[in-house]
Every structure is written in structure tokens, then in C-alpha cells.
Amino acid sequence: MNLVRKILLAMEADPAGYAMSIVVDGYDQKTVGYHVYLMAQAKLITANDFTSMAEDTPNWAPLSLTWEGDEFLAASREPVIWERAFGLAKSVGNTAFPIIMQALTKAALDKLEKIV
């Protein structure tokens, strides 16, 4: 999920609104391409498939954020909230997308409660 968040942040930062070639420090292109493929399946982004028969993993390139991707990014943008939510999800042994989203909501509500 950390890589998913990093890809979404990179896409949002692109001046054109999309990033056809994303480089994420610490990850090779195969890993990024595979995660872009998964993110497209989860409807977080739109993406193009550039996988050739010679490749052993999906090679996808991102096009744009979807509503769902933008919502996830908005919820996970603040590093403190992200770290808290990811820690909550890991503590129950499940970092699946629905659990992360619930944890992000809880972390944001906890922070809001402290302010109010």
C-alpha cells in the first residue's frame, strides 16, 4: 500500500495531471508496472497495458486518477494520518484496501476529535 500511495502522489504532482512514466525511489519498473496494473483493477486509476509477450509481469502505465483514487489520496495524503492508519491495519494483521480505508477514516476522526 505504501507504493500505491507513492504512485498516486506522483501522478497528482505531474503538471499535466497524469504520469505515463513513473519512477519511485526504491522500486524497479517491474514492481511499479505491476502495482499500476493492480491499481487499475481496483479502479484507483486509469491505465494502459504495454505488456509484451516477452515480459513476465504486467507492464502498465498510469493515465489518470479516478474518483476512488482521488478519495484514497485525500485520505492518505498527510504522513501522520497515513502512518497511524497503516500501523492500525498492520496491528490487526490486514493491510487490505478496505481495512486501510477504515483505518484512514479512524485516524482522521481521531485527529479531528482532538481539534474539536
Foldseek 3Di string as FASTA:
>chain_A
DVLLLVLLVVQCPDPVQGDQDDDDPPDDQLVNQQVLVVCVVVQQFPWDWPDDPPDDGTGIGTDHGDPNVVVVNVLCVDPVLVVQLCVVCVVVPHPDPVSSVVSSVVSVVVVVVVVD
